[in-house]
Amino acid sequence: MKKLFAFFLVILLYACSSDNNETPETNNPDTPPITGTTKLIKQVVSQKFEQEHNGYYPDQFVYTDKKLVKALFYGCSGMMYQFEYGSNGKIETYYRKTGFKPEDLSTDISGAEFVVVGSLKYDSQNRVIEQSDSRGFKIDIEYDQNSRITKMLVKEDELRAPISLVVEEFDENGNPIKINSDICNYDDKVNPMYVLFNKFGIFYLETCNSLDNLNTRSYFNSPSNPKEHFEDGKLTFSAIYEYDQDGYPTKATYTDSNSSIPFSDIDTFSYN
């Protein structure tokens, strides 16, 4: 259960620098809005990995024609994601595989050996209702009348039974603050992962950096950045952020205590 809750919460970003004055997009008019300037996350630098690992490279998000097309994460053993879009303009199919470096970003991995293939399904309101992949991972998603995610059925693989996660309470900004027995609290700034979720539809993206705690802390997405996460009364994640003038985090100093050995790091973020 703790591994599950160490994985899911908010979701990614949106719009190039040339779109900074556009009206933000959402999955649905009732979805909690992203206000002000919109940006796309471009790079994440881990201070710990940079200091301790030879051959380190920053995590990268790659965009073509204003769409997220690739992502590469050093801490996930060089995990590369490749995205394909459906007729609704959102991600329909994705591929992921480990063992890559920045010079491989132009490589098409859709037909690679041992590649994991995933898909996203949407309802008539263009909201993600299912994400699944070829390894048996699956999430089913339910919404309330305000298009807030209220329930998820999460199956990690073909061998394990699904786990039900239910939001019992939201804060005034639409962030889920009580999920089963878990408690979260948030800042009031822009979560860059939530922007990507609204723009491109990608729900769960394993990044192996502090964005995992923004993107996936409890399988739920949130408009704001989580500051603390408690599981059964125990603090399992805490973060202090610095922000730019538009309210996007530029630095996260965080500790993840979900495993037996707490992990602390400082990540810096840059945007298009």
C-alpha atoms as a PDB file:
ATOM      1  CA  MET A   1       0.000   0.000   0.000  1.00  0.00           C
ATOM      2  CA  LYS A   2       2.798   2.442   0.838  1.00  0.00           C
ATOM      3  CA  LYS A   3       4.388   1.813  -2.542  1.00  0.00           C
ATOM      4  CA  LEU A   4       1.087   2.658  -4.179  1.00  0.00           C
ATOM      5  CA  PHE A   5       0.701   5.863  -2.254  1.00  0.00           C
ATOM      6  CA  ALA A   6       4.298   6.762  -3.011  1.00  0.00           C
ATOM      7  CA  PHE A   7       3.284   6.946  -6.625  1.00  0.00           C
ATOM      8  CA  PHE A   8       0.436   9.165  -7.741  1.00  0.00           C
ATOM      9  CA  LEU A   9      -0.902  12.790  -7.498  1.00  0.00           C
ATOM     10  CA  VAL A  10      -0.885  15.740  -9.732  1.00  0.00           C
ATOM     11  CA  ILE A  11       0.165  16.042 -13.365  1.00  0.00           C
ATOM     12  CA  LEU A  12       2.231  18.054 -15.887  1.00  0.00           C
ATOM     13  CA  LEU A  13       2.298  21.166 -17.935  1.00  0.00           C
ATOM     14  CA  TYR A  14       1.301  23.242 -20.900  1.00  0.00           C
ATOM     15  CA  ALA A  15       1.962  25.832 -23.658  1.00  0.00           C
ATOM     16  CA  CYS A  16       5.188  27.200 -25.104  1.00  0.00           C
ATOM     17  CA  SER A  17       6.592  30.622 -24.283  1.00  0.00           C
ATOM     18  CA  SER A  18       4.831  31.966 -27.374  1.00  0.00           C
ATOM     19  CA  ASP A  19       1.516  30.942 -25.765  1.00  0.00           C
ATOM     20  CA  ASN A  20       2.069  32.843 -22.525  1.00  0.00           C
ATOM     21  CA  ASN A  21      -0.861  35.167 -23.198  1.00  0.00           C
ATOM     22  CA  GLU A  22      -3.315  32.503 -24.321  1.00  0.00           C
ATOM     23  CA  THR A  23      -6.327  31.528 -22.269  1.00  0.00           C
ATOM     24  CA  PRO A  24      -5.390  28.323 -20.386  1.00  0.00           C
ATOM     25  CA  GLU A  25      -6.995  25.091 -21.558  1.00  0.00           C
ATOM     26  CA  THR A  26      -8.764  22.581 -19.352  1.00  0.00           C
ATOM     27  CA  ASN A  27     -10.292  19.150 -19.842  1.00  0.00           C
ATOM     28  CA  ASN A  28     -13.697  20.593 -19.027  1.00  0.00           C
ATOM     29  CA  PRO A  29     -15.086  24.051 -18.186  1.00  0.00           C
ATOM     30  CA  ASP A  30     -15.709  22.872 -14.614  1.00  0.00           C
ATOM     31  CA  THR A  31     -12.134  21.661 -14.080  1.00  0.00           C
ATOM     32  CA  PRO A  32     -10.252  23.782 -11.507  1.00  0.00           C
ATOM     33  CA  PRO A  33      -8.627  26.439 -13.742  1.00  0.00           C
ATOM     34  CA  ILE A  34      -4.998  27.290 -14.324  1.00  0.00           C
ATOM     35  CA  THR A  35      -4.879  31.067 -14.209  1.00  0.00           C
ATOM     36  CA  GLY A  36      -2.355  33.609 -15.452  1.00  0.00           C
ATOM     37  CA  THR A  37       0.727  32.800 -17.513  1.00  0.00           C
ATOM     38  CA  THR A  38       1.059  29.191 -18.691  1.00  0.00           C
ATOM     39  CA  LYS A  39       4.385  27.451 -19.157  1.00  0.00           C
ATOM     40  CA  LEU A  40       5.714  24.032 -20.108  1.00  0.00           C
ATOM     41  CA  ILE A  41       8.248  22.338 -17.909  1.00  0.00           C
ATOM     42  CA  LYS A  42      11.445  21.736 -19.876  1.00  0.00           C
ATOM     43  CA  GLN A  43      14.138  20.442 -17.531  1.00  0.00           C
ATOM     44  CA  VAL A  44      14.701  19.138 -14.002  1.00  0.00           C
ATOM     45  CA  VAL A  45      18.154  19.116 -12.392  1.00  0.00           C
ATOM     46  CA  SER A  46      18.763  16.933  -9.320  1.00  0.00           C
ATOM     47  CA  GLN A  47      21.451  18.369  -7.056  1.00  0.00           C
ATOM     48  CA  LYS A  48      22.136  14.991  -5.446  1.00  0.00           C
ATOM     49  CA  PHE A  49      22.484  13.074  -8.703  1.00  0.00           C
ATOM     50  CA  GLU A  50      24.564  15.850 -10.264  1.00  0.00           C
ATOM     51  CA  GLN A  51      27.030  15.778  -7.363  1.00  0.00           C
ATOM     52  CA  GLU A  52      27.219  12.024  -6.847  1.00  0.00           C
ATOM     53  CA  HIS A  53      26.750  10.354 -10.247  1.00  0.00           C
ATOM     54  CA  ASN A  54      29.233  10.312 -13.114  1.00  0.00           C
ATOM     55  CA  GLY A  55      27.519  10.701 -16.468  1.00  0.00           C
ATOM     56  CA  TYR A  56      24.547  12.507 -14.967  1.00  0.00           C
ATOM     57  CA  TYR A  57      22.251  14.453 -17.290  1.00  0.00           C
ATOM     58  CA  PRO A  58      19.175  16.584 -16.438  1.00  0.00           C
ATOM     59  CA  ASP A  59      15.708  15.160 -16.959  1.00  0.00           C
ATOM     60  CA  GLN A  60      14.109  16.549 -20.102  1.00  0.00           C
ATOM     61  CA  PHE A  61      10.687  17.210 -21.623  1.00  0.00           C
ATOM     62  CA  VAL A  62      10.651  17.644 -25.407  1.00  0.00           C
ATOM     63  CA  TYR A  63       7.937  19.472 -27.369  1.00  0.00           C
ATOM     64  CA  THR A  64       7.199  19.625 -31.084  1.00  0.00           C
ATOM     65  CA  ASP A  65       4.467  21.857 -32.518  1.00  0.00           C
ATOM     66  CA  LYS A  66       3.348  22.717 -28.969  1.00  0.00           C
ATOM     67  CA  LYS A  67       2.890  19.052 -28.013  1.00  0.00           C
ATOM     68  CA  LEU A  68       4.810  16.910 -25.545  1.00  0.00           C
ATOM     69  CA  VAL A  69       6.466  14.232 -27.690  1.00  0.00           C
ATOM     70  CA  LYS A  70       9.300  12.808 -25.553  1.00  0.00           C
ATOM     71  CA  ALA A  71      10.464  12.748 -21.938  1.00  0.00           C
ATOM     72  CA  LEU A  72      13.710  11.343 -20.503  1.00  0.00           C
ATOM     73  CA  PHE A  73      14.457  10.651 -16.830  1.00  0.00           C
ATOM     74  CA  TYR A  74      17.956   9.877 -15.546  1.00  0.00           C
ATOM     75  CA  GLY A  75      16.875   8.537 -12.154  1.00  0.00           C
ATOM     76  CA  CYS A  76      14.592   5.941 -13.779  1.00  0.00           C
ATOM     77  CA  SER A  77      17.588   4.204 -15.411  1.00  0.00           C
ATOM     78  CA  GLY A  78      17.345   6.409 -18.477  1.00  0.00           C
ATOM     79  CA  MET A  79      13.602   5.938 -18.938  1.00  0.00           C
ATOM     80  CA  MET A  80      12.367   7.456 -22.194  1.00  0.00           C
ATOM     81  CA  TYR A  81       8.709   8.147 -22.929  1.00  0.00           C
ATOM     82  CA  GLN A  82       7.352   8.702 -26.425  1.00  0.00           C
ATOM     83  CA  PHE A  83       3.822  10.048 -26.963  1.00  0.00           C
ATOM     84  CA  GLU A  84       1.291   9.794 -29.794  1.00  0.00           C
ATOM     85  CA  TYR A  85      -1.893  11.858 -30.020  1.00  0.00           C
ATOM     86  CA  GLY A  86      -5.478  10.990 -30.885  1.00  0.00           C
ATOM     87  CA  SER A  87      -8.113  12.929 -32.789  1.00  0.00           C
ATOM     88  CA  ASN A  88      -9.077  14.808 -29.605  1.00  0.00           C
ATOM     89  CA  GLY A  89      -5.636  16.442 -29.501  1.00  0.00           C
ATOM     90  CA  LYS A  90      -4.581  14.577 -26.369  1.00  0.00           C
ATOM     91  CA  ILE A  91      -2.204  11.684 -25.767  1.00  0.00           C
ATOM     92  CA  GLU A  92      -3.714   8.379 -26.850  1.00  0.00           C
ATOM     93  CA  THR A  93      -0.699   6.026 -26.910  1.00  0.00           C
ATOM     94  CA  TYR A  94       2.671   6.133 -25.205  1.00  0.00           C
ATOM     95  CA  TYR A  95       5.800   3.999 -25.158  1.00  0.00           C
ATOM     96  CA  ARG A  96       8.439   3.707 -22.444  1.00  0.00           C
ATOM     97  CA  LYS A  97      11.761   1.934 -22.192  1.00  0.00           C
ATOM     98  CA  THR A  98      14.934   2.289 -20.101  1.00  0.00           C
ATOM     99  CA  GLY A  99      18.583   2.636 -21.109  1.00  0.00           C
ATOM    100  CA  PHE A 100      18.617   5.949 -22.996  1.00  0.00           C
ATOM    101  CA  LYS A 101      20.630   9.183 -22.930  1.00  0.00           C
ATOM    102  CA  PRO A 102      19.944  12.689 -24.307  1.00  0.00           C
ATOM    103  CA  GLU A 103      21.605  11.857 -27.621  1.00  0.00           C
ATOM    104  CA  ASP A 104      18.922   9.167 -28.106  1.00  0.00           C
ATOM    105  CA  LEU A 105      15.973  11.558 -27.939  1.00  0.00           C
ATOM    106  CA  SER A 106      15.473  11.442 -31.700  1.00  0.00           C
ATOM    107  CA  THR A 107      15.153   7.623 -31.604  1.00  0.00           C
ATOM    108  CA  ASP A 108      11.725   6.156 -32.381  1.00  0.00           C
ATOM    109  CA  ILE A 109      11.101   3.571 -29.649  1.00  0.00           C
ATOM    110  CA  SER A 110       7.581   2.552 -30.720  1.00  0.00           C
ATOM    111  CA  GLY A 111       8.872  -0.671 -32.279  1.00  0.00           C
ATOM    112  CA  ALA A 112      11.743  -1.327 -29.874  1.00  0.00           C
ATOM    113  CA  GLU A 113      12.243  -4.708 -28.230  1.00  0.00           C
ATOM    114  CA  PHE A 114      10.764  -4.970 -24.716  1.00  0.00           C
ATOM    115  CA  VAL A 115       9.089  -1.572 -24.998  1.00  0.00           C
ATOM    116  CA  VAL A 116       6.095  -1.036 -22.704  1.00  0.00           C
ATOM    117  CA  VAL A 117       3.051   0.247 -24.595  1.00  0.00           C
ATOM    118  CA  GLY A 118       0.405   2.294 -22.802  1.00  0.00           C
ATOM    119  CA  SER A 119      -2.900   3.898 -23.709  1.00  0.00           C
ATOM    120  CA  LEU A 120      -5.301   6.542 -22.426  1.00  0.00           C
ATOM    121  CA  LYS A 121      -9.083   6.565 -22.852  1.00  0.00           C
ATOM    122  CA  TYR A 122     -11.374   9.598 -22.568  1.00  0.00           C
ATOM    123  CA  ASP A 123     -15.059  10.209 -21.948  1.00  0.00           C
ATOM    124  CA  SER A 124     -17.396  12.450 -23.958  1.00  0.00           C
ATOM    125  CA  GLN A 125     -16.155  15.465 -21.988  1.00  0.00           C
ATOM    126  CA  ASN A 126     -12.538  14.744 -22.984  1.00  0.00           C
ATOM    127  CA  ARG A 127     -11.596  13.624 -19.470  1.00  0.00           C
ATOM    128  CA  VAL A 128      -9.181  10.743 -18.912  1.00  0.00           C
ATOM    129  CA  ILE A 129     -11.105   7.756 -17.575  1.00  0.00           C
ATOM    130  CA  GLU A 130      -8.519   4.996 -18.010  1.00  0.00           C
ATOM    131  CA  GLN A 131      -4.768   4.576 -18.318  1.00  0.00           C
ATOM    132  CA  SER A 132      -3.271   1.130 -18.876  1.00  0.00           C
ATOM    133  CA  ASP A 133      -0.170  -0.538 -20.273  1.00  0.00           C
ATOM    134  CA  SER A 134       1.079  -3.839 -21.660  1.00  0.00           C
ATOM    135  CA  ARG A 135       2.516  -4.946 -18.292  1.00  0.00           C
ATOM    136  CA  GLY A 136      -0.899  -5.103 -16.669  1.00  0.00           C
ATOM    137  CA  PHE A 137      -0.879  -1.661 -15.050  1.00  0.00           C
ATOM    138  CA  LYS A 138      -4.310  -0.008 -15.090  1.00  0.00           C
ATOM    139  CA  ILE A 139      -6.071   2.973 -13.511  1.00  0.00           C
ATOM    140  CA  ASP A 140      -9.826   3.573 -13.762  1.00  0.00           C
ATOM    141  CA  ILE A 141     -10.885   7.132 -12.907  1.00  0.00           C
ATOM    142  CA  GLU A 142     -14.184   8.654 -11.749  1.00  0.00           C
ATOM    143  CA  TYR A 143     -15.140  12.352 -11.519  1.00  0.00           C
ATOM    144  CA  ASP A 144     -17.703  14.468  -9.708  1.00  0.00           C
ATOM    145  CA  GLN A 145     -19.942  17.082 -11.348  1.00  0.00           C
ATOM    146  CA  ASN A 146     -17.101  19.623 -11.071  1.00  0.00           C
ATOM    147  CA  SER A 147     -14.695  17.329 -12.983  1.00  0.00           C
ATOM    148  CA  ARG A 148     -12.604  16.694  -9.883  1.00  0.00           C
ATOM    149  CA  ILE A 149     -11.220  13.171  -9.637  1.00  0.00           C
ATOM    150  CA  THR A 150     -13.020  11.489  -6.752  1.00  0.00           C
ATOM    151  CA  LYS A 151     -12.185   7.806  -7.096  1.00  0.00           C
ATOM    152  CA  MET A 152      -9.577   5.588  -8.701  1.00  0.00           C
ATOM    153  CA  LEU A 153      -9.203   1.854  -9.026  1.00  0.00           C
ATOM    154  CA  VAL A 154      -5.484   1.129  -9.317  1.00  0.00           C
ATOM    155  CA  LYS A 155      -3.985  -2.165 -10.471  1.00  0.00           C
ATOM    156  CA  GLU A 156      -0.183  -2.195 -10.474  1.00  0.00           C
ATOM    157  CA  ASP A 157       0.223  -5.390 -12.489  1.00  0.00           C
ATOM    158  CA  GLU A 158      -1.557  -8.567 -13.516  1.00  0.00           C
ATOM    159  CA  LEU A 159      -0.706 -10.390 -10.278  1.00  0.00           C
ATOM    160  CA  ARG A 160      -1.974  -7.921  -7.685  1.00  0.00           C
ATOM    161  CA  ALA A 161      -5.563  -7.095  -6.850  1.00  0.00           C
ATOM    162  CA  PRO A 162      -6.725  -3.537  -7.589  1.00  0.00           C
ATOM    163  CA  ILE A 163      -6.823  -0.972  -4.787  1.00  0.00           C
ATOM    164  CA  SER A 164      -9.592   1.592  -4.451  1.00  0.00           C
ATOM    165  CA  LEU A 165      -8.606   5.182  -3.625  1.00  0.00           C
ATOM    166  CA  VAL A 166     -11.367   7.618  -2.699  1.00  0.00           C
ATOM    167  CA  VAL A 167     -11.163  11.366  -2.110  1.00  0.00           C
ATOM    168  CA  GLU A 168     -13.169  12.274   0.971  1.00  0.00           C
ATOM    169  CA  GLU A 169     -12.377  15.984   1.088  1.00  0.00           C
ATOM    170  CA  PHE A 170     -11.052  18.811  -1.126  1.00  0.00           C
ATOM    171  CA  ASP A 171      -9.604  22.181  -0.173  1.00  0.00           C
ATOM    172  CA  GLU A 172     -10.882  25.482  -1.602  1.00  0.00           C
ATOM    173  CA  ASN A 173      -8.521  25.209  -4.602  1.00  0.00           C
ATOM    174  CA  GLY A 174      -9.772  21.766  -5.644  1.00  0.00           C
ATOM    175  CA  ASN A 175      -6.828  19.836  -4.167  1.00  0.00           C
ATOM    176  CA  PRO A 176      -7.625  16.425  -2.628  1.00  0.00           C
ATOM    177  CA  ILE A 177      -6.709  16.726   1.051  1.00  0.00           C
ATOM    178  CA  LYS A 178      -8.085  13.421   2.352  1.00  0.00           C
ATOM    179  CA  ILE A 179      -7.637  10.234   0.309  1.00  0.00           C
ATOM    180  CA  ASN A 180      -8.627   7.079   2.191  1.00  0.00           C
ATOM    181  CA  SER A 181      -6.547   7.510   5.369  1.00  0.00           C
ATOM    182  CA  ASP A 182      -3.973   9.812   3.754  1.00  0.00           C
ATOM    183  CA  ILE A 183      -3.841  13.556   4.417  1.00  0.00           C
ATOM    184  CA  CYS A 184      -2.207  16.139   2.111  1.00  0.00           C
ATOM    185  CA  ASN A 185      -1.731  19.881   2.333  1.00  0.00           C
ATOM    186  CA  TYR A 186      -0.658  22.240  -0.447  1.00  0.00           C
ATOM    187  CA  ASP A 187       0.644  25.635  -1.420  1.00  0.00           C
ATOM    188  CA  ASP A 188      -1.512  27.966  -3.528  1.00  0.00           C
ATOM    189  CA  LYS A 189       0.786  28.066  -6.588  1.00  0.00           C
ATOM    190  CA  VAL A 190       0.775  26.335  -9.999  1.00  0.00           C
ATOM    191  CA  ASN A 191       1.591  22.641 -10.146  1.00  0.00           C
ATOM    192  CA  PRO A 192       3.505  22.154 -13.430  1.00  0.00           C
ATOM    193  CA  MET A 193       2.399  18.535 -13.705  1.00  0.00           C
ATOM    194  CA  TYR A 194      -1.248  19.534 -13.463  1.00  0.00           C
ATOM    195  CA  VAL A 195      -0.724  21.875 -16.413  1.00  0.00           C
ATOM    196  CA  LEU A 196       0.512  18.975 -18.559  1.00  0.00           C
ATOM    197  CA  PHE A 197      -2.423  16.854 -17.465  1.00  0.00           C
ATOM    198  CA  ASN A 198      -4.858  19.529 -18.598  1.00  0.00           C
ATOM    199  CA  LYS A 199      -3.047  20.277 -21.821  1.00  0.00           C
ATOM    200  CA  PHE A 200      -2.072  16.814 -23.030  1.00  0.00           C
ATOM    201  CA  GLY A 201      -4.087  14.330 -20.975  1.00  0.00           C
ATOM    202  CA  ILE A 202      -1.140  12.358 -19.624  1.00  0.00           C
ATOM    203  CA  PHE A 203      -2.187  11.123 -16.205  1.00  0.00           C
ATOM    204  CA  TYR A 204       0.650   9.093 -14.686  1.00  0.00           C
ATOM    205  CA  LEU A 205       4.270   9.707 -15.623  1.00  0.00           C
ATOM    206  CA  GLU A 206       7.052   8.062 -13.608  1.00  0.00           C
ATOM    207  CA  THR A 207       9.849  10.648 -13.342  1.00  0.00           C
ATOM    208  CA  CYS A 208      12.039   9.425 -10.439  1.00  0.00           C
ATOM    209  CA  ASN A 209      12.516  12.979  -9.198  1.00  0.00           C
ATOM    210  CA  SER A 210      10.475  15.340  -7.022  1.00  0.00           C
ATOM    211  CA  LEU A 211       7.818  15.549  -9.755  1.00  0.00           C
ATOM    212  CA  ASP A 212       6.718  12.051  -8.750  1.00  0.00           C
ATOM    213  CA  ASN A 213       5.389  13.686  -5.616  1.00  0.00           C
ATOM    214  CA  LEU A 214       3.645  16.370  -7.666  1.00  0.00           C
ATOM    215  CA  ASN A 215       2.461  14.093 -10.423  1.00  0.00           C
ATOM    216  CA  THR A 216       1.560  10.920  -8.617  1.00  0.00           C
ATOM    217  CA  ARG A 217       1.618  11.116  -4.871  1.00  0.00           C
ATOM    218  CA  SER A 218      -1.722   9.411  -4.371  1.00  0.00           C
ATOM    219  CA  TYR A 219      -2.795   8.680  -7.917  1.00  0.00           C
ATOM    220  CA  PHE A 220      -4.764  11.950  -7.851  1.00  0.00           C
ATOM    221  CA  ASN A 221      -3.990  15.178  -9.624  1.00  0.00           C
ATOM    222  CA  SER A 222      -4.045  18.558  -7.884  1.00  0.00           C
ATOM    223  CA  PRO A 223      -3.880  22.131  -9.165  1.00  0.00           C
ATOM    224  CA  SER A 224      -1.368  23.093  -6.449  1.00  0.00           C
ATOM    225  CA  ASN A 225       1.932  21.650  -5.206  1.00  0.00           C
ATOM    226  CA  PRO A 226       1.860  19.285  -2.195  1.00  0.00           C
ATOM    227  CA  LYS A 227       3.812  20.493   0.838  1.00  0.00           C
ATOM    228  CA  GLU A 228       3.182  17.550   3.150  1.00  0.00           C
ATOM    229  CA  HIS A 229       1.769  14.054   2.790  1.00  0.00           C
ATOM    230  CA  PHE A 230       0.781  11.881   5.738  1.00  0.00           C
ATOM    231  CA  GLU A 231       0.046   8.150   5.583  1.00  0.00           C
ATOM    232  CA  ASP A 232      -1.715   6.755   8.654  1.00  0.00           C
ATOM    233  CA  GLY A 233      -0.527   9.804  10.582  1.00  0.00           C
ATOM    234  CA  LYS A 234       3.124   9.440   9.517  1.00  0.00           C
ATOM    235  CA  LEU A 235       4.787  12.194   7.490  1.00  0.00           C
ATOM    236  CA  THR A 236       6.044  10.517   4.302  1.00  0.00           C
ATOM    237  CA  PHE A 237       6.760  13.542   2.102  1.00  0.00           C
ATOM    238  CA  SER A 238       7.588  17.196   2.729  1.00  0.00           C
ATOM    239  CA  ALA A 239       8.739  19.965   0.390  1.00  0.00           C
ATOM    240  CA  ILE A 240       9.676  23.642   0.460  1.00  0.00           C
ATOM    241  CA  TYR A 241       9.387  25.483  -2.867  1.00  0.00           C
ATOM    242  CA  GLU A 242      10.777  28.599  -4.467  1.00  0.00           C
ATOM    243  CA  TYR A 243       8.752  30.217  -7.261  1.00  0.00           C
ATOM    244  CA  ASP A 244       9.121  32.476 -10.264  1.00  0.00           C
ATOM    245  CA  GLN A 245       7.061  35.621 -10.814  1.00  0.00           C
ATOM    246  CA  ASP A 246       4.254  33.569 -12.383  1.00  0.00           C
ATOM    247  CA  GLY A 247       3.851  31.206  -9.434  1.00  0.00           C
ATOM    248  CA  TYR A 248       5.628  28.199 -10.959  1.00  0.00           C
ATOM    249  CA  PRO A 249       8.085  26.308  -8.734  1.00  0.00           C
ATOM    250  CA  THR A 250      11.736  26.829  -9.682  1.00  0.00           C
ATOM    251  CA  LYS A 251      13.198  24.798  -6.843  1.00  0.00           C
ATOM    252  CA  ALA A 252      11.954  22.024  -4.556  1.00  0.00           C
ATOM    253  CA  THR A 253      13.828  21.041  -1.403  1.00  0.00           C
ATOM    254  CA  TYR A 254      12.176  17.801  -0.410  1.00  0.00           C
ATOM    255  CA  THR A 255      12.352  14.666   1.720  1.00  0.00           C
ATOM    256  CA  ASP A 256      10.608  11.427   0.829  1.00  0.00           C
ATOM    257  CA  SER A 257      10.317   9.177   3.885  1.00  0.00           C
ATOM    258  CA  ASN A 258       8.088   6.570   2.317  1.00  0.00           C
ATOM    259  CA  SER A 259      10.811   3.895   2.253  1.00  0.00           C
ATOM    260  CA  SER A 260      12.893   2.599   5.172  1.00  0.00           C
ATOM    261  CA  ILE A 261      15.689   5.027   4.221  1.00  0.00           C
ATOM    262  CA  PRO A 262      14.479   8.630   3.746  1.00  0.00           C
ATOM    263  CA  PHE A 263      15.642  10.334   0.548  1.00  0.00           C
ATOM    264  CA  SER A 264      16.321  14.073   0.374  1.00  0.00           C
ATOM    265  CA  ASP A 265      17.270  16.195  -2.623  1.00  0.00           C
ATOM    266  CA  ILE A 266      17.000  19.628  -4.193  1.00  0.00           C
ATOM    267  CA  ASP A 267      15.520  19.833  -7.691  1.00  0.00           C
ATOM    268  CA  THR A 268      15.542  22.924  -9.891  1.00  0.00           C
ATOM    269  CA  PHE A 269      13.017  23.394 -12.706  1.00  0.00           C
ATOM    270  CA  SER A 270      13.170  25.376 -15.937  1.00  0.00           C
ATOM    271  CA  TYR A 271      10.387  26.119 -18.412  1.00  0.00           C
ATOM    272  CA  ASN A 272       9.844  26.945 -22.065  1.00  0.00           C
END
